[in-house]
Amino acid sequence: MLLLTVGGSFGFYQNAAEIMQQHHMFYAPNLLGTITGMIEAAIIAFAGLYAFGWIYNRLTK
């Protein structure tokens, strides 16, 4: 997300930055938006991987 913001500010990946802004609630192409977008992505990833691990452990017992 950080690389996408930096690339978007130089004119690269502008379409990808727009799509990222549509799919993440707190992402914006500025410093605060990048930090909050990264926090949001970390929380979503943690919840998804935790659920996957929980299901995996239930199925392997």
PDB file of N, CA and C in Angstrom:
ATOM      1  N   MET A   1       0.832  -1.176   0.000  1.00  0.00           N
ATOM      2  CA  MET A   1       0.000   0.000   0.000  1.00  0.00           C
ATOM      3  C   MET A   1       0.882   1.247   0.000  1.00  0.00           C
ATOM      4  N   LEU A   2       1.975   1.182   0.727  1.00  0.00           N
ATOM      5  CA  LEU A   2       2.902   2.312   0.747  1.00  0.00           C
ATOM      6  C   LEU A   2       3.517   2.522  -0.635  1.00  0.00           C
ATOM      7  N   LEU A   3       3.940   1.432  -1.270  1.00  0.00           N
ATOM      8  CA  LEU A   3       4.527   1.543  -2.603  1.00  0.00           C
ATOM      9  C   LEU A   3       3.503   2.034  -3.621  1.00  0.00           C
ATOM     10  N   LEU A   4       2.271   1.636  -3.446  1.00  0.00           N
ATOM     11  CA  LEU A   4       1.212   2.092  -4.341  1.00  0.00           C
ATOM     12  C   LEU A   4       0.993   3.597  -4.193  1.00  0.00           C
ATOM     13  N   THR A   5       1.031   4.103  -2.982  1.00  0.00           N
ATOM     14  CA  THR A   5       0.861   5.539  -2.757  1.00  0.00           C
ATOM     15  C   THR A   5       2.026   6.327  -3.340  1.00  0.00           C
ATOM     16  N   VAL A   6       3.244   5.836  -3.115  1.00  0.00           N
ATOM     17  CA  VAL A   6       4.421   6.528  -3.653  1.00  0.00           C
ATOM     18  C   VAL A   6       4.399   6.498  -5.178  1.00  0.00           C
ATOM     19  N   GLY A   7       4.102   5.339  -5.750  1.00  0.00           N
ATOM     20  CA  GLY A   7       4.017   5.237  -7.207  1.00  0.00           C
ATOM     21  C   GLY A   7       2.909   6.099  -7.776  1.00  0.00           C
ATOM     22  N   GLY A   8       1.780   6.154  -7.085  1.00  0.00           N
ATOM     23  CA  GLY A   8       0.663   6.980  -7.537  1.00  0.00           C
ATOM     24  C   GLY A   8       0.978   8.460  -7.505  1.00  0.00           C
ATOM     25  N   SER A   9       1.792   8.877  -6.548  1.00  0.00           N
ATOM     26  CA  SER A   9       2.140  10.295  -6.470  1.00  0.00           C
ATOM     27  C   SER A   9       3.079  10.709  -7.602  1.00  0.00           C
ATOM     28  N   PHE A  10       3.811   9.752  -8.170  1.00  0.00           N
ATOM     29  CA  PHE A  10       4.681  10.042  -9.308  1.00  0.00           C
ATOM     30  C   PHE A  10       4.011   9.774 -10.649  1.00  0.00           C
ATOM     31  N   GLY A  11       2.735   9.407 -10.630  1.00  0.00           N
ATOM     32  CA  GLY A  11       2.000   9.194 -11.866  1.00  0.00           C
ATOM     33  C   GLY A  11       1.907   7.747 -12.311  1.00  0.00           C
ATOM     34  N   PHE A  12       2.524   6.843 -11.569  1.00  0.00           N
ATOM     35  CA  PHE A  12       2.433   5.422 -11.882  1.00  0.00           C
ATOM     36  C   PHE A  12       1.300   4.810 -11.067  1.00  0.00           C
ATOM     37  N   TYR A  13       0.737   3.739 -11.553  1.00  0.00           N
ATOM     38  CA  TYR A  13      -0.273   2.960 -10.822  1.00  0.00           C
ATOM     39  C   TYR A  13      -1.499   3.778 -10.418  1.00  0.00           C
ATOM     40  N   GLN A  14      -1.895   4.752 -11.195  1.00  0.00           N
ATOM     41  CA  GLN A  14      -3.029   5.584 -10.808  1.00  0.00           C
ATOM     42  C   GLN A  14      -4.332   4.798 -10.801  1.00  0.00           C
ATOM     43  N   ASN A  15      -4.512   3.901 -11.760  1.00  0.00           N
ATOM     44  CA  ASN A  15      -5.725   3.079 -11.766  1.00  0.00           C
ATOM     45  C   ASN A  15      -5.749   2.137 -10.572  1.00  0.00           C
ATOM     46  N   ALA A  16      -4.603   1.572 -10.236  1.00  0.00           N
ATOM     47  CA  ALA A  16      -4.536   0.677  -9.080  1.00  0.00           C
ATOM     48  C   ALA A  16      -4.823   1.436  -7.787  1.00  0.00           C
ATOM     49  N   ALA A  17      -4.354   2.675  -7.695  1.00  0.00           N
ATOM     50  CA  ALA A  17      -4.625   3.481  -6.506  1.00  0.00           C
ATOM     51  C   ALA A  17      -6.115   3.794  -6.387  1.00  0.00           C
ATOM     52  N   GLU A  18      -6.768   4.036  -7.504  1.00  0.00           N
ATOM     53  CA  GLU A  18      -8.216   4.284  -7.476  1.00  0.00           C
ATOM     54  C   GLU A  18      -8.977   3.039  -7.037  1.00  0.00           C
ATOM     55  N   ILE A  19      -8.561   1.880  -7.534  1.00  0.00           N
ATOM     56  CA  ILE A  19      -9.215   0.629  -7.136  1.00  0.00           C
ATOM     57  C   ILE A  19      -8.984   0.353  -5.655  1.00  0.00           C
ATOM     58  N   MET A  20      -7.775   0.619  -5.173  1.00  0.00           N
ATOM     59  CA  MET A  20      -7.475   0.423  -3.753  1.00  0.00           C
ATOM     60  C   MET A  20      -8.346   1.342  -2.900  1.00  0.00           C
ATOM     61  N   GLN A  21      -8.560   2.549  -3.369  1.00  0.00           N
ATOM     62  CA  GLN A  21      -9.390   3.504  -2.637  1.00  0.00           C
ATOM     63  C   GLN A  21     -10.848   3.059  -2.615  1.00  0.00           C
ATOM     64  N   GLN A  22     -11.302   2.387  -3.667  1.00  0.00           N
ATOM     65  CA  GLN A  22     -12.678   1.894  -3.705  1.00  0.00           C
ATOM     66  C   GLN A  22     -12.879   0.708  -2.770  1.00  0.00           C
ATOM     67  N   HIS A  23     -11.859  -0.134  -2.616  1.00  0.00           N
ATOM     68  CA  HIS A  23     -12.017  -1.372  -1.861  1.00  0.00           C
ATOM     69  C   HIS A  23     -11.643  -1.256  -0.386  1.00  0.00           C
ATOM     70  N   HIS A  24     -10.865  -0.263  -0.023  1.00  0.00           N
ATOM     71  CA  HIS A  24     -10.494  -0.083   1.383  1.00  0.00           C
ATOM     72  C   HIS A  24     -11.186   1.159   1.927  1.00  0.00           C
ATOM     73  N   MET A  25     -11.809   0.986   3.058  1.00  0.00           N
ATOM     74  CA  MET A  25     -12.624   2.049   3.630  1.00  0.00           C
ATOM     75  C   MET A  25     -11.786   3.253   4.077  1.00  0.00           C
ATOM     76  N   PHE A  26     -10.578   3.007   4.593  1.00  0.00           N
ATOM     77  CA  PHE A  26      -9.790   4.082   5.186  1.00  0.00           C
ATOM     78  C   PHE A  26      -8.591   4.513   4.348  1.00  0.00           C
ATOM     79  N   TYR A  27      -8.410   3.930   3.158  1.00  0.00           N
ATOM     80  CA  TYR A  27      -7.255   4.286   2.331  1.00  0.00           C
ATOM     81  C   TYR A  27      -7.516   5.572   1.555  1.00  0.00           C
ATOM     82  N   ALA A  28      -6.524   6.432   1.536  1.00  0.00           N
ATOM     83  CA  ALA A  28      -6.515   7.630   0.698  1.00  0.00           C
ATOM     84  C   ALA A  28      -5.067   7.853   0.264  1.00  0.00           C
ATOM     85  N   PRO A  29      -4.829   8.452  -0.883  1.00  0.00           N
ATOM     86  CA  PRO A  29      -3.451   8.622  -1.367  1.00  0.00           C
ATOM     87  C   PRO A  29      -2.711   9.777  -0.689  1.00  0.00           C
ATOM     88  N   ASN A  30      -2.686   9.768   0.629  1.00  0.00           N
ATOM     89  CA  ASN A  30      -1.892  10.722   1.398  1.00  0.00           C
ATOM     90  C   ASN A  30      -1.289   9.973   2.589  1.00  0.00           C
ATOM     91  N   LEU A  31      -0.525  10.644   3.421  1.00  0.00           N
ATOM     92  CA  LEU A  31       0.189   9.960   4.504  1.00  0.00           C
ATOM     93  C   LEU A  31      -0.769   9.320   5.498  1.00  0.00           C
ATOM     94  N   LEU A  32      -1.743  10.062   5.974  1.00  0.00           N
ATOM     95  CA  LEU A  32      -2.689   9.522   6.954  1.00  0.00           C
ATOM     96  C   LEU A  32      -3.532   8.406   6.351  1.00  0.00           C
ATOM     97  N   GLY A  33      -3.974   8.577   5.124  1.00  0.00           N
ATOM     98  CA  GLY A  33      -4.764   7.549   4.459  1.00  0.00           C
ATOM     99  C   GLY A  33      -3.973   6.272   4.226  1.00  0.00           C
ATOM    100  N   THR A  34      -2.688   6.412   3.933  1.00  0.00           N
ATOM    101  CA  THR A  34      -1.841   5.238   3.737  1.00  0.00           C
ATOM    102  C   THR A  34      -1.666   4.480   5.041  1.00  0.00           C
ATOM    103  N   ILE A  35      -1.420   5.198   6.117  1.00  0.00           N
ATOM    104  CA  ILE A  35      -1.236   4.546   7.422  1.00  0.00           C
ATOM    105  C   ILE A  35      -2.522   3.860   7.864  1.00  0.00           C
ATOM    106  N   THR A  36      -3.648   4.545   7.754  1.00  0.00           N
ATOM    107  CA  THR A  36      -4.909   3.920   8.171  1.00  0.00           C
ATOM    108  C   THR A  36      -5.287   2.762   7.252  1.00  0.00           C
ATOM    109  N   GLY A  37      -4.972   2.859   5.975  1.00  0.00           N
ATOM    110  CA  GLY A  37      -5.224   1.751   5.059  1.00  0.00           C
ATOM    111  C   GLY A  37      -4.380   0.540   5.396  1.00  0.00           C
ATOM    112  N   MET A  38      -3.127   0.761   5.783  1.00  0.00           N
ATOM    113  CA  MET A  38      -2.258  -0.344   6.169  1.00  0.00           C
ATOM    114  C   MET A  38      -2.739  -0.995   7.458  1.00  0.00           C
ATOM    115  N   ILE A  39      -3.224  -0.198   8.397  1.00  0.00           N
ATOM    116  CA  ILE A  39      -3.774  -0.754   9.635  1.00  0.00           C
ATOM    117  C   ILE A  39      -5.025  -1.567   9.332  1.00  0.00           C
ATOM    118  N   GLU A  40      -5.882  -1.038   8.473  1.00  0.00           N
ATOM    119  CA  GLU A  40      -7.096  -1.764   8.090  1.00  0.00           C
ATOM    120  C   GLU A  40      -6.748  -3.094   7.424  1.00  0.00           C
ATOM    121  N   ALA A  41      -5.790  -3.076   6.510  1.00  0.00           N
ATOM    122  CA  ALA A  41      -5.391  -4.304   5.822  1.00  0.00           C
ATOM    123  C   ALA A  41      -4.791  -5.311   6.798  1.00  0.00           C
ATOM    124  N   ALA A  42      -4.032  -4.843   7.784  1.00  0.00           N
ATOM    125  CA  ALA A  42      -3.448  -5.746   8.778  1.00  0.00           C
ATOM    126  C   ALA A  42      -4.531  -6.401   9.628  1.00  0.00           C
ATOM    127  N   ILE A  43      -5.542  -5.642  10.008  1.00  0.00           N
ATOM    128  CA  ILE A  43      -6.637  -6.194  10.816  1.00  0.00           C
ATOM    129  C   ILE A  43      -7.424  -7.223  10.015  1.00  0.00           C
ATOM    130  N   ILE A  44      -7.716  -6.913   8.760  1.00  0.00           N
ATOM    131  CA  ILE A  44      -8.455  -7.856   7.914  1.00  0.00           C
ATOM    132  C   ILE A  44      -7.640  -9.127   7.700  1.00  0.00           C
ATOM    133  N   ALA A  45      -6.341  -8.983   7.448  1.00  0.00           N
ATOM    134  CA  ALA A  45      -5.482 -10.154   7.247  1.00  0.00           C
ATOM    135  C   ALA A  45      -5.396 -10.988   8.513  1.00  0.00           C
ATOM    136  N   PHE A  46      -5.265 -10.348   9.673  1.00  0.00           N
ATOM    137  CA  PHE A  46      -5.200 -11.084  10.934  1.00  0.00           C
ATOM    138  C   PHE A  46      -6.483 -11.866  11.165  1.00  0.00           C
ATOM    139  N   ALA A  47      -7.622 -11.230  10.959  1.00  0.00           N
ATOM    140  CA  ALA A  47      -8.904 -11.909  11.182  1.00  0.00           C
ATOM    141  C   ALA A  47      -9.073 -13.090  10.231  1.00  0.00           C
ATOM    142  N   GLY A  48      -8.720 -12.904   8.975  1.00  0.00           N
ATOM    143  CA  GLY A  48      -8.846 -13.987   8.004  1.00  0.00           C
ATOM    144  C   GLY A  48      -7.914 -15.146   8.301  1.00  0.00           C
ATOM    145  N   LEU A  49      -6.667 -14.851   8.624  1.00  0.00           N
ATOM    146  CA  LEU A  49      -5.715 -15.918   8.932  1.00  0.00           C
ATOM    147  C   LEU A  49      -6.035 -16.599  10.254  1.00  0.00           C
ATOM    148  N   TYR A  50      -6.553 -15.857  11.218  1.00  0.00           N
ATOM    149  CA  TYR A  50      -6.963 -16.458  12.488  1.00  0.00           C
ATOM    150  C   TYR A  50      -8.110 -17.439  12.257  1.00  0.00           C
ATOM    151  N   ALA A  51      -9.089 -17.030  11.451  1.00  0.00           N
ATOM    152  CA  ALA A  51     -10.214 -17.918  11.141  1.00  0.00           C
ATOM    153  C   ALA A  51      -9.737 -19.155  10.385  1.00  0.00           C
ATOM    154  N   PHE A  52      -8.828 -18.974   9.432  1.00  0.00           N
ATOM    155  CA  PHE A  52      -8.273 -20.110   8.701  1.00  0.00           C
ATOM    156  C   PHE A  52      -7.551 -21.064   9.645  1.00  0.00           C
ATOM    157  N   GLY A  53      -6.730 -20.531  10.544  1.00  0.00           N
ATOM    158  CA  GLY A  53      -6.015 -21.368  11.507  1.00  0.00           C
ATOM    159  C   GLY A  53      -6.953 -22.096  12.445  1.00  0.00           C
ATOM    160  N   TRP A  54      -8.004 -21.420  12.883  1.00  0.00           N
ATOM    161  CA  TRP A  54      -8.969 -22.044  13.785  1.00  0.00           C
ATOM    162  C   TRP A  54      -9.679 -23.206  13.092  1.00  0.00           C
ATOM    163  N   ILE A  55     -10.121 -22.973  11.857  1.00  0.00           N
ATOM    164  CA  ILE A  55     -10.791 -24.039  11.097  1.00  0.00           C
ATOM    165  C   ILE A  55      -9.826 -25.187  10.826  1.00  0.00           C
ATOM    166  N   TYR A  56      -8.603 -24.877  10.458  1.00  0.00           N
ATOM    167  CA  TYR A  56      -7.607 -25.909  10.182  1.00  0.00           C
ATOM    168  C   TYR A  56      -7.361 -26.766  11.419  1.00  0.00           C
ATOM    169  N   ASN A  57      -7.202 -26.124  12.561  1.00  0.00           N
ATOM    170  CA  ASN A  57      -6.953 -26.874  13.794  1.00  0.00           C
ATOM    171  C   ASN A  57      -8.157 -27.715  14.190  1.00  0.00           C
ATOM    172  N   ARG A  58      -9.355 -27.249  13.939  1.00  0.00           N
ATOM    173  CA  ARG A  58     -10.557 -28.048  14.236  1.00  0.00           C
ATOM    174  C   ARG A  58     -10.648 -29.270  13.329  1.00  0.00           C
ATOM    175  N   LEU A  59     -10.255 -29.125  12.089  1.00  0.00           N
ATOM    176  CA  LEU A  59     -10.356 -30.235  11.150  1.00  0.00           C
ATOM    177  C   LEU A  59      -9.252 -31.275  11.333  1.00  0.00           C
ATOM    178  N   THR A  60      -8.121 -30.890  11.903  1.00  0.00           N
ATOM    179  CA  THR A  60      -7.013 -31.834  12.049  1.00  0.00           C
ATOM    180  C   THR A  60      -7.022 -32.577  13.373  1.00  0.00           C
ATOM    181  N   LYS A  61      -7.935 -32.269  14.260  1.00  0.00           N
ATOM    182  CA  LYS A  61      -7.988 -32.979  15.549  1.00  0.00           C
ATOM    183  C   LYS A  61      -8.653 -34.310  15.409  1.00  0.00           C
TER     184      LYS A  61
END
